[in-house]
C-alpha cells in the first residue's frame, strides 16, 4: 500500500475514535462559526488528530477547521492534503450516525488519493490512482493495514435489478435538485430517491448503490475531495454543472459550484 494512503487511513480511523468519544457524551460543546454552521468538540479533536499524522508527511494541509493559507501561497503547492475532520456535523448533532472523516491528497489540482471513514459503522472507503477504489466493512480498531487490504472489496460492486436511484442531501435539498429529480423521472420512469448525510452520498455512487448525486447548492472543497477520488477511481465522474468539466481543487474560491456525480 502507498505509504501516504496508509497514513491517511490511520489518521482517519484515529480521528474516528476521537469523534466517538465526544459522540458518547451529553455535551458536544456546540458553537456557531461565522458562516452559522455548527462546530463541536469532535470537529476539533478530529482535526488535531489528523494533522498530527499528516504534518509528518511534509505535505501542506488544508483542513476545514485549520488556518487557511492565502491563495498566493497555496497556488504554489504542487500537492496538498484537503481534509474535513468531521463531515456532516449536523448529522453528528442529530445523532443519526451519517457523518464521516474525509481526507484527500491533491496533485496538480486533481485528487489522486482519498479516504472516507464512517466512525459509527466502522466502514472505510479508500482509493488511489494506481490501484482503484475499495471499501472495508467493520474494520478493527487496531487499524491493521494487512487485514484492511485482505478484506477490501473493489468498487463499484455489481447490483442486479436495481431501479434508477438518486441520492440527495439529507439536510440541504434545494428546489433545483427536486426539479432535476423530476426530469429524471420523465427519462427513467420510476426513480428511487435516497437521502443521506455527508460524503456518504459520494460513496453510494462509487459503490453503484446510486446512479447519480446532483448537488445544486453550496459545498466546499473539503466536502467533496476525498469522495471525488473514490468515485473517480471507481470509474465514476464528478463534474462541475456549469462547465461540464471535472472539478478542480485548491482554487482561489474554495466554495464549490453546483456539480453532478454519476
C-alpha atoms as a PDB file:
ATOM      1  CA  UNK A   1       0.000   0.000   0.000  1.00  0.00           C
ATOM      2  CA  UNK A   2       1.124   3.528  -0.803  1.00  0.00           C
ATOM      3  CA  UNK A   3       2.654   4.922   2.437  1.00  0.00           C
ATOM      4  CA  UNK A   4       0.670   8.148   2.057  1.00  0.00           C
ATOM      5  CA  UNK A   5      -2.563   6.181   1.709  1.00  0.00           C
ATOM      6  CA  UNK A   6      -1.658   4.138   4.781  1.00  0.00           C
ATOM      7  CA  UNK A   7      -1.006   7.360   6.721  1.00  0.00           C
ATOM      8  CA  UNK A   8      -4.363   8.789   5.649  1.00  0.00           C
ATOM      9  CA  UNK A   9      -6.176   5.585   6.660  1.00  0.00           C
ATOM     10  CA  UNK A  10      -4.541   5.540  10.084  1.00  0.00           C
ATOM     11  CA  UNK A  11      -5.324   9.236  10.566  1.00  0.00           C
ATOM     12  CA  UNK A  12      -8.985   8.759   9.628  1.00  0.00           C
ATOM     13  CA  UNK A  13      -9.524   5.803  11.960  1.00  0.00           C
ATOM     14  CA  UNK A  14      -7.820   7.523  14.900  1.00  0.00           C
ATOM     15  CA  UNK A  15      -9.883  10.664  14.235  1.00  0.00           C
ATOM     16  CA  UNK A  16     -12.985   8.466  14.194  1.00  0.00           C
ATOM     17  CA  UNK A  17     -12.147   7.203  17.675  1.00  0.00           C
ATOM     18  CA  UNK A  18     -11.868  10.791  18.957  1.00  0.00           C
ATOM     19  CA  UNK A  19     -15.197  11.669  17.340  1.00  0.00           C
ATOM     20  CA  UNK A  20     -16.944   8.714  19.005  1.00  0.00           C
ATOM     21  CA  UNK A  21     -15.553   9.709  22.406  1.00  0.00           C
ATOM     22  CA  UNK A  22     -17.424  13.014  22.073  1.00  0.00           C
ATOM     23  CA  UNK A  23     -20.457  11.314  20.467  1.00  0.00           C
ATOM     24  CA  UNK A  24     -20.947   9.312  23.652  1.00  0.00           C
ATOM     25  CA  UNK A  25     -21.024  12.475  25.785  1.00  0.00           C
ATOM     26  CA  UNK A  26     -24.086  14.552  26.568  1.00  0.00           C
ATOM     27  CA  UNK A  27     -22.369  17.861  25.832  1.00  0.00           C
ATOM     28  CA  UNK A  28     -20.933  18.252  22.322  1.00  0.00           C
ATOM     29  CA  UNK A  29     -19.642  21.760  23.084  1.00  0.00           C
ATOM     30  CA  UNK A  30     -21.570  23.182  20.111  1.00  0.00           C
ATOM     31  CA  UNK A  31     -20.519  26.595  18.797  1.00  0.00           C
ATOM     32  CA  UNK A  32     -21.576  28.580  15.720  1.00  0.00           C
ATOM     33  CA  UNK A  33     -18.939  29.516  13.149  1.00  0.00           C
ATOM     34  CA  UNK A  34     -19.002  32.784  11.236  1.00  0.00           C
ATOM     35  CA  UNK A  35     -20.991  31.145   8.428  1.00  0.00           C
ATOM     36  CA  UNK A  36     -23.544  29.932  11.024  1.00  0.00           C
ATOM     37  CA  UNK A  37     -22.529  26.275  10.560  1.00  0.00           C
ATOM     38  CA  UNK A  38     -22.045  24.315  13.778  1.00  0.00           C
ATOM     39  CA  UNK A  39     -18.692  23.372  15.310  1.00  0.00           C
ATOM     40  CA  UNK A  40     -18.290  20.754  18.065  1.00  0.00           C
ATOM     41  CA  UNK A  41     -15.540  19.427  20.295  1.00  0.00           C
ATOM     42  CA  UNK A  42     -15.456  16.410  17.977  1.00  0.00           C
ATOM     43  CA  UNK A  43     -14.589  18.543  14.920  1.00  0.00           C
ATOM     44  CA  UNK A  44     -11.553  19.996  16.656  1.00  0.00           C
ATOM     45  CA  UNK A  45     -10.429  16.718  18.245  1.00  0.00           C
ATOM     46  CA  UNK A  46     -10.547  15.052  14.823  1.00  0.00           C
ATOM     47  CA  UNK A  47      -8.715  17.972  13.184  1.00  0.00           C
ATOM     48  CA  UNK A  48      -5.893  17.838  15.735  1.00  0.00           C
ATOM     49  CA  UNK A  49      -5.568  14.066  15.391  1.00  0.00           C
ATOM     50  CA  UNK A  50      -5.459  14.125  11.594  1.00  0.00           C
ATOM     51  CA  UNK A  51      -2.943  16.946  11.366  1.00  0.00           C
ATOM     52  CA  UNK A  52      -0.663  15.132  13.831  1.00  0.00           C
ATOM     53  CA  UNK A  53      -0.409  12.347  11.207  1.00  0.00           C
ATOM     54  CA  UNK A  54      -0.387  14.413   8.023  1.00  0.00           C
ATOM     55  CA  UNK A  55       2.105  17.031   9.204  1.00  0.00           C
ATOM     56  CA  UNK A  56       4.738  14.279   9.295  1.00  0.00           C
ATOM     57  CA  UNK A  57       4.407  13.811   5.523  1.00  0.00           C
ATOM     58  CA  UNK A  58       5.753  17.291   4.832  1.00  0.00           C
ATOM     59  CA  UNK A  59       2.781  17.997   2.533  1.00  0.00           C
ATOM     60  CA  UNK A  60       0.702  21.106   3.371  1.00  0.00           C
ATOM     61  CA  UNK A  61      -2.743  20.554   4.876  1.00  0.00           C
ATOM     62  CA  UNK A  62      -5.906  22.484   4.040  1.00  0.00           C
ATOM     63  CA  UNK A  63      -8.434  21.497   6.699  1.00  0.00           C
ATOM     64  CA  UNK A  64     -11.897  22.927   7.220  1.00  0.00           C
ATOM     65  CA  UNK A  65     -11.041  23.552  10.859  1.00  0.00           C
ATOM     66  CA  UNK A  66      -7.467  24.755  10.346  1.00  0.00           C
ATOM     67  CA  UNK A  67      -5.917  28.050   9.335  1.00  0.00           C
ATOM     68  CA  UNK A  68      -6.363  28.609   5.589  1.00  0.00           C
ATOM     69  CA  UNK A  69      -3.232  29.849   3.863  1.00  0.00           C
ATOM     70  CA  UNK A  70      -3.801  32.683   1.361  1.00  0.00           C
ATOM     71  CA  UNK A  71      -4.194  31.675  -2.275  1.00  0.00           C
ATOM     72  CA  UNK A  72      -0.937  33.417  -3.194  1.00  0.00           C
ATOM     73  CA  UNK A  73       0.797  30.811  -1.037  1.00  0.00           C
ATOM     74  CA  UNK A  74      -1.478  27.824  -1.766  1.00  0.00           C
ATOM     75  CA  UNK A  75      -1.228  28.100  -5.549  1.00  0.00           C
ATOM     76  CA  UNK A  76       2.496  27.307  -5.309  1.00  0.00           C
ATOM     77  CA  UNK A  77       1.798  23.945  -3.680  1.00  0.00           C
ATOM     78  CA  UNK A  78       2.139  21.068  -6.199  1.00  0.00           C
ATOM     79  CA  UNK A  79       0.463  18.747  -3.676  1.00  0.00           C
ATOM     80  CA  UNK A  80      -1.702  19.262  -0.616  1.00  0.00           C
ATOM     81  CA  UNK A  81      -3.982  17.367   1.723  1.00  0.00           C
ATOM     82  CA  UNK A  82      -7.610  18.528   1.804  1.00  0.00           C
ATOM     83  CA  UNK A  83      -9.392  17.455   4.972  1.00  0.00           C
ATOM     84  CA  UNK A  84     -12.840  17.578   6.506  1.00  0.00           C
ATOM     85  CA  UNK A  85     -12.249  16.213  10.020  1.00  0.00           C
ATOM     86  CA  UNK A  86     -15.986  15.735  10.618  1.00  0.00           C
ATOM     87  CA  UNK A  87     -18.175  15.939   7.534  1.00  0.00           C
ATOM     88  CA  UNK A  88     -21.832  16.069   8.491  1.00  0.00           C
ATOM     89  CA  UNK A  89     -21.632  17.943  11.793  1.00  0.00           C
ATOM     90  CA  UNK A  90     -25.405  18.494  11.635  1.00  0.00           C
ATOM     91  CA  UNK A  91     -25.895  14.720  11.342  1.00  0.00           C
ATOM     92  CA  UNK A  92     -23.486  14.233  14.257  1.00  0.00           C
ATOM     93  CA  UNK A  93     -25.554  16.606  16.398  1.00  0.00           C
ATOM     94  CA  UNK A  94     -28.748  14.756  15.377  1.00  0.00           C
ATOM     95  CA  UNK A  95     -27.017  11.502  16.435  1.00  0.00           C
ATOM     96  CA  UNK A  96     -28.061   9.672  13.245  1.00  0.00           C
ATOM     97  CA  UNK A  97     -24.605   8.253  12.513  1.00  0.00           C
ATOM     98  CA  UNK A  98     -24.380   9.726   8.995  1.00  0.00           C
ATOM     99  CA  UNK A  99     -21.104  11.585   9.395  1.00  0.00           C
ATOM    100  CA  UNK A 100     -17.641  10.860   8.058  1.00  0.00           C
ATOM    101  CA  UNK A 101     -13.953  11.704   8.165  1.00  0.00           C
ATOM    102  CA  UNK A 102     -12.680  12.881   4.755  1.00  0.00           C
ATOM    103  CA  UNK A 103      -9.002  13.001   3.708  1.00  0.00           C
ATOM    104  CA  UNK A 104      -7.808  13.607   0.135  1.00  0.00           C
ATOM    105  CA  UNK A 105      -4.437  14.153  -1.490  1.00  0.00           C
ATOM    106  CA  UNK A 106      -4.490  16.640  -4.368  1.00  0.00           C
ATOM    107  CA  UNK A 107      -1.798  16.810  -7.044  1.00  0.00           C
ATOM    108  CA  UNK A 108      -1.894  19.346  -9.872  1.00  0.00           C
ATOM    109  CA  UNK A 109      -5.439  20.355  -8.879  1.00  0.00           C
ATOM    110  CA  UNK A 110      -6.872  16.807  -9.031  1.00  0.00           C
ATOM    111  CA  UNK A 111      -7.475  14.207  -6.287  1.00  0.00           C
ATOM    112  CA  UNK A 112      -5.069  11.264  -6.555  1.00  0.00           C
ATOM    113  CA  UNK A 113      -5.898   9.600  -3.229  1.00  0.00           C
ATOM    114  CA  UNK A 114      -8.931   9.624  -0.962  1.00  0.00           C
ATOM    115  CA  UNK A 115     -10.077   8.132   2.340  1.00  0.00           C
ATOM    116  CA  UNK A 116     -13.535   8.297   3.893  1.00  0.00           C
ATOM    117  CA  UNK A 117     -14.158   6.705   7.280  1.00  0.00           C
ATOM    118  CA  UNK A 118     -17.612   6.233   8.820  1.00  0.00           C
ATOM    119  CA  UNK A 119     -16.971   6.032  12.599  1.00  0.00           C
ATOM    120  CA  UNK A 120     -20.359   4.681  13.746  1.00  0.00           C
ATOM    121  CA  UNK A 121     -20.448   1.907  11.135  1.00  0.00           C
ATOM    122  CA  UNK A 122     -16.661   1.334  11.147  1.00  0.00           C
ATOM    123  CA  UNK A 123     -16.774   1.418   7.353  1.00  0.00           C
ATOM    124  CA  UNK A 124     -13.739   2.525   5.386  1.00  0.00           C
ATOM    125  CA  UNK A 125     -13.590   3.692   1.784  1.00  0.00           C
ATOM    126  CA  UNK A 126     -10.238   4.349   0.169  1.00  0.00           C
ATOM    127  CA  UNK A 127      -8.833   4.949  -3.281  1.00  0.00           C
ATOM    128  CA  UNK A 128      -5.647   5.799  -5.065  1.00  0.00           C
ATOM    129  CA  UNK A 129      -4.781   6.339  -8.677  1.00  0.00           C
ATOM    130  CA  UNK A 130      -2.774   3.172  -9.314  1.00  0.00           C
ATOM    131  CA  UNK A 131      -5.000   0.511  -7.710  1.00  0.00           C
ATOM    132  CA  UNK A 132      -8.581   1.823  -7.752  1.00  0.00           C
ATOM    133  CA  UNK A 133     -11.310   2.245  -5.122  1.00  0.00           C
ATOM    134  CA  UNK A 134     -12.209  -0.097  -2.272  1.00  0.00           C
ATOM    135  CA  UNK A 135     -14.377  -0.428   0.806  1.00  0.00           C
ATOM    136  CA  UNK A 136     -13.985  -2.424   4.010  1.00  0.00           C
ATOM    137  CA  UNK A 137     -16.839  -3.135   6.396  1.00  0.00           C
ATOM    138  CA  UNK A 138     -16.470  -3.320  10.172  1.00  0.00           C
ATOM    139  CA  UNK A 139     -12.739  -2.698  10.411  1.00  0.00           C
ATOM    140  CA  UNK A 140     -10.954  -3.422  13.652  1.00  0.00           C
ATOM    141  CA  UNK A 141      -9.758  -0.536  15.791  1.00  0.00           C
ATOM    142  CA  UNK A 142      -6.186  -1.797  15.606  1.00  0.00           C
ATOM    143  CA  UNK A 143      -6.013  -0.430  12.032  1.00  0.00           C
ATOM    144  CA  UNK A 144      -4.178  -3.485  10.773  1.00  0.00           C
ATOM    145  CA  UNK A 145      -3.279  -2.486   7.223  1.00  0.00           C
ATOM    146  CA  UNK A 146      -2.718  -6.095   6.083  1.00  0.00           C
ATOM    147  CA  UNK A 147      -6.184  -7.015   7.367  1.00  0.00           C
ATOM    148  CA  UNK A 148      -7.737  -3.991   5.656  1.00  0.00           C
ATOM    149  CA  UNK A 149      -6.047  -4.867   2.362  1.00  0.00           C
ATOM    150  CA  UNK A 150      -7.131  -8.524   2.504  1.00  0.00           C
ATOM    151  CA  UNK A 151     -10.778  -7.707   3.330  1.00  0.00           C
ATOM    152  CA  UNK A 152     -11.209  -4.805   0.908  1.00  0.00           C
ATOM    153  CA  UNK A 153     -13.897  -5.062  -1.780  1.00  0.00           C
ATOM    154  CA  UNK A 154     -13.191  -3.354  -5.081  1.00  0.00           C
ATOM    155  CA  UNK A 155     -15.652  -0.677  -6.168  1.00  0.00           C
ATOM    156  CA  UNK A 156     -18.082  -0.486  -7.837  1.00  0.00           C
ATOM    157  CA  UNK A 157     -19.965  -3.543  -6.586  1.00  0.00           C
ATOM    158  CA  UNK A 158     -22.409  -5.035  -9.082  1.00  0.00           C
ATOM    159  CA  UNK A 159     -26.068  -4.543  -8.122  1.00  0.00           C
ATOM    160  CA  UNK A 160     -28.627  -6.622 -10.039  1.00  0.00           C
ATOM    161  CA  UNK A 161     -32.121  -5.409 -10.955  1.00  0.00           C
ATOM    162  CA  UNK A 162     -31.668  -2.082  -9.206  1.00  0.00           C
ATOM    163  CA  UNK A 163     -34.125   0.664 -10.028  1.00  0.00           C
ATOM    164  CA  UNK A 164     -32.678   4.013 -11.087  1.00  0.00           C
ATOM    165  CA  UNK A 165     -31.555   5.653  -7.841  1.00  0.00           C
ATOM    166  CA  UNK A 166     -30.802   9.266  -6.974  1.00  0.00           C
ATOM    167  CA  UNK A 167     -29.043  10.099  -3.736  1.00  0.00           C
ATOM    168  CA  UNK A 168     -29.588  13.573  -2.317  1.00  0.00           C
ATOM    169  CA  UNK A 169     -28.631  15.620   0.711  1.00  0.00           C
ATOM    170  CA  UNK A 170     -30.376  14.902   3.996  1.00  0.00           C
ATOM    171  CA  UNK A 171     -30.023  18.491   5.244  1.00  0.00           C
ATOM    172  CA  UNK A 172     -29.785  20.579   2.041  1.00  0.00           C
ATOM    173  CA  UNK A 173     -32.357  19.578  -0.602  1.00  0.00           C
ATOM    174  CA  UNK A 174     -32.824  22.583  -2.903  1.00  0.00           C
ATOM    175  CA  UNK A 175     -35.758  23.340  -5.205  1.00  0.00           C
ATOM    176  CA  UNK A 176     -33.401  22.948  -8.183  1.00  0.00           C
ATOM    177  CA  UNK A 177     -32.482  19.430  -7.023  1.00  0.00           C
ATOM    178  CA  UNK A 178     -36.160  18.498  -6.766  1.00  0.00           C
ATOM    179  CA  UNK A 179     -36.680  19.838 -10.296  1.00  0.00           C
ATOM    180  CA  UNK A 180     -33.742  17.765 -11.578  1.00  0.00           C
ATOM    181  CA  UNK A 181     -35.167  14.631  -9.927  1.00  0.00           C
ATOM    182  CA  UNK A 182     -38.493  15.321 -11.661  1.00  0.00           C
ATOM    183  CA  UNK A 183     -36.687  15.452 -15.020  1.00  0.00           C
ATOM    184  CA  UNK A 184     -35.080  12.077 -14.281  1.00  0.00           C
ATOM    185  CA  UNK A 185     -38.498  10.575 -13.625  1.00  0.00           C
ATOM    186  CA  UNK A 186     -39.549  11.601 -17.138  1.00  0.00           C
ATOM    187  CA  UNK A 187     -36.475   9.821 -18.542  1.00  0.00           C
ATOM    188  CA  UNK A 188     -36.390   6.691 -16.366  1.00  0.00           C
ATOM    189  CA  UNK A 189     -39.951   6.267 -15.138  1.00  0.00           C
ATOM    190  CA  UNK A 190     -39.772   5.078 -11.559  1.00  0.00           C
ATOM    191  CA  UNK A 191     -36.898   6.767  -9.718  1.00  0.00           C
ATOM    192  CA  UNK A 192     -35.893   5.890  -6.189  1.00  0.00           C
ATOM    193  CA  UNK A 193     -34.699   8.832  -4.087  1.00  0.00           C
ATOM    194  CA  UNK A 194     -32.452   8.178  -1.092  1.00  0.00           C
ATOM    195  CA  UNK A 195     -31.447  10.845   1.421  1.00  0.00           C
ATOM    196  CA  UNK A 196     -28.001  10.624   3.027  1.00  0.00           C
ATOM    197  CA  UNK A 197     -25.803  12.900   5.072  1.00  0.00           C
ATOM    198  CA  UNK A 198     -22.173  13.887   4.491  1.00  0.00           C
ATOM    199  CA  UNK A 199     -19.884  12.278   1.903  1.00  0.00           C
ATOM    200  CA  UNK A 200     -21.852   9.022   2.170  1.00  0.00           C
ATOM    201  CA  UNK A 201     -23.714  10.242  -0.932  1.00  0.00           C
ATOM    202  CA  UNK A 202     -20.497  10.086  -2.954  1.00  0.00           C
ATOM    203  CA  UNK A 203     -19.736   6.648  -1.535  1.00  0.00           C
ATOM    204  CA  UNK A 204     -23.135   5.385  -2.675  1.00  0.00           C
ATOM    205  CA  UNK A 205     -22.363   6.367  -6.278  1.00  0.00           C
ATOM    206  CA  UNK A 206     -18.876   4.812  -6.058  1.00  0.00           C
ATOM    207  CA  UNK A 207     -20.430   1.565  -4.765  1.00  0.00           C
ATOM    208  CA  UNK A 208     -23.106   1.665  -7.513  1.00  0.00           C
ATOM    209  CA  UNK A 209     -25.890   1.780  -4.917  1.00  0.00           C
ATOM    210  CA  UNK A 210     -26.917   5.093  -6.514  1.00  0.00           C
ATOM    211  CA  UNK A 211     -26.777   6.167 -10.154  1.00  0.00           C
ATOM    212  CA  UNK A 212     -26.449   9.902  -9.654  1.00  0.00           C
ATOM    213  CA  UNK A 213     -25.876  12.511  -6.952  1.00  0.00           C
ATOM    214  CA  UNK A 214     -26.934  16.019  -8.007  1.00  0.00           C
ATOM    215  CA  UNK A 215     -25.771  18.844  -5.746  1.00  0.00           C
ATOM    216  CA  UNK A 216     -27.312  22.167  -6.672  1.00  0.00           C
ATOM    217  CA  UNK A 217     -26.316  24.053  -3.576  1.00  0.00           C
ATOM    218  CA  UNK A 218     -23.197  25.221  -1.747  1.00  0.00           C
ATOM    219  CA  UNK A 219     -20.425  22.864  -0.658  1.00  0.00           C
ATOM    220  CA  UNK A 220     -16.718  23.352  -0.015  1.00  0.00           C
ATOM    221  CA  UNK A 221     -13.663  21.614  -1.445  1.00  0.00           C
ATOM    222  CA  UNK A 222     -13.190  19.519   1.720  1.00  0.00           C
ATOM    223  CA  UNK A 223     -16.746  18.199   1.382  1.00  0.00           C
ATOM    224  CA  UNK A 224     -16.025  16.564  -1.985  1.00  0.00           C
ATOM    225  CA  UNK A 225     -12.268  15.980  -2.487  1.00  0.00           C
ATOM    226  CA  UNK A 226     -11.997  12.545  -0.821  1.00  0.00           C
ATOM    227  CA  UNK A 227     -15.261  11.284  -2.297  1.00  0.00           C
ATOM    228  CA  UNK A 228     -14.216  12.638  -5.701  1.00  0.00           C
ATOM    229  CA  UNK A 229     -11.118  10.416  -5.589  1.00  0.00           C
ATOM    230  CA  UNK A 230     -13.140   7.380  -4.530  1.00  0.00           C
ATOM    231  CA  UNK A 231     -15.700   7.961  -7.298  1.00  0.00           C
ATOM    232  CA  UNK A 232     -13.070   8.678  -9.969  1.00  0.00           C
ATOM    233  CA  UNK A 233     -11.079   5.506  -9.332  1.00  0.00           C
ATOM    234  CA  UNK A 234     -14.320   3.512  -9.256  1.00  0.00           C
ATOM    235  CA  UNK A 235     -14.984   4.700 -12.815  1.00  0.00           C
ATOM    236  CA  UNK A 236     -17.442   7.490 -11.935  1.00  0.00           C
ATOM    237  CA  UNK A 237     -17.270  11.226 -12.630  1.00  0.00           C
ATOM    238  CA  UNK A 238     -17.698  14.398 -10.591  1.00  0.00           C
ATOM    239  CA  UNK A 239     -18.279  17.321 -12.917  1.00  0.00           C
ATOM    240  CA  UNK A 240     -18.904  20.993 -12.426  1.00  0.00           C
ATOM    241  CA  UNK A 241     -22.500  21.541 -13.560  1.00  0.00           C
ATOM    242  CA  UNK A 242     -21.836  24.865 -15.291  1.00  0.00           C
ATOM    243  CA  UNK A 243     -18.685  23.936 -17.240  1.00  0.00           C
ATOM    244  CA  UNK A 244     -19.277  20.198 -17.637  1.00  0.00           C
ATOM    245  CA  UNK A 245     -15.600  19.694 -16.767  1.00  0.00           C
ATOM    246  CA  UNK A 246     -14.095  17.701 -13.907  1.00  0.00           C
ATOM    247  CA  UNK A 247     -13.985  19.689 -10.679  1.00  0.00           C
ATOM    248  CA  UNK A 248     -10.560  21.043  -9.750  1.00  0.00           C
ATOM    249  CA  UNK A 249      -9.177  21.741  -6.269  1.00  0.00           C
ATOM    250  CA  UNK A 250      -7.018  24.226  -4.400  1.00  0.00           C
ATOM    251  CA  UNK A 251      -8.842  27.005  -6.220  1.00  0.00           C
ATOM    252  CA  UNK A 252      -8.797  30.621  -5.099  1.00  0.00           C
ATOM    253  CA  UNK A 253     -12.507  30.233  -4.301  1.00  0.00           C
ATOM    254  CA  UNK A 254     -12.831  27.201  -2.007  1.00  0.00           C
ATOM    255  CA  UNK A 255     -16.611  27.092  -2.336  1.00  0.00           C
ATOM    256  CA  UNK A 256     -17.716  24.571  -4.969  1.00  0.00           C
ATOM    257  CA  UNK A 257     -20.175  25.335  -7.717  1.00  0.00           C
ATOM    258  CA  UNK A 258     -23.088  23.010  -8.462  1.00  0.00           C
ATOM    259  CA  UNK A 259     -21.995  19.540  -9.524  1.00  0.00           C
ATOM    260  CA  UNK A 260     -23.150  16.113 -10.657  1.00  0.00           C
ATOM    261  CA  UNK A 261     -21.699  12.755  -9.631  1.00  0.00           C
ATOM    262  CA  UNK A 262     -22.586   9.746 -11.803  1.00  0.00           C
END
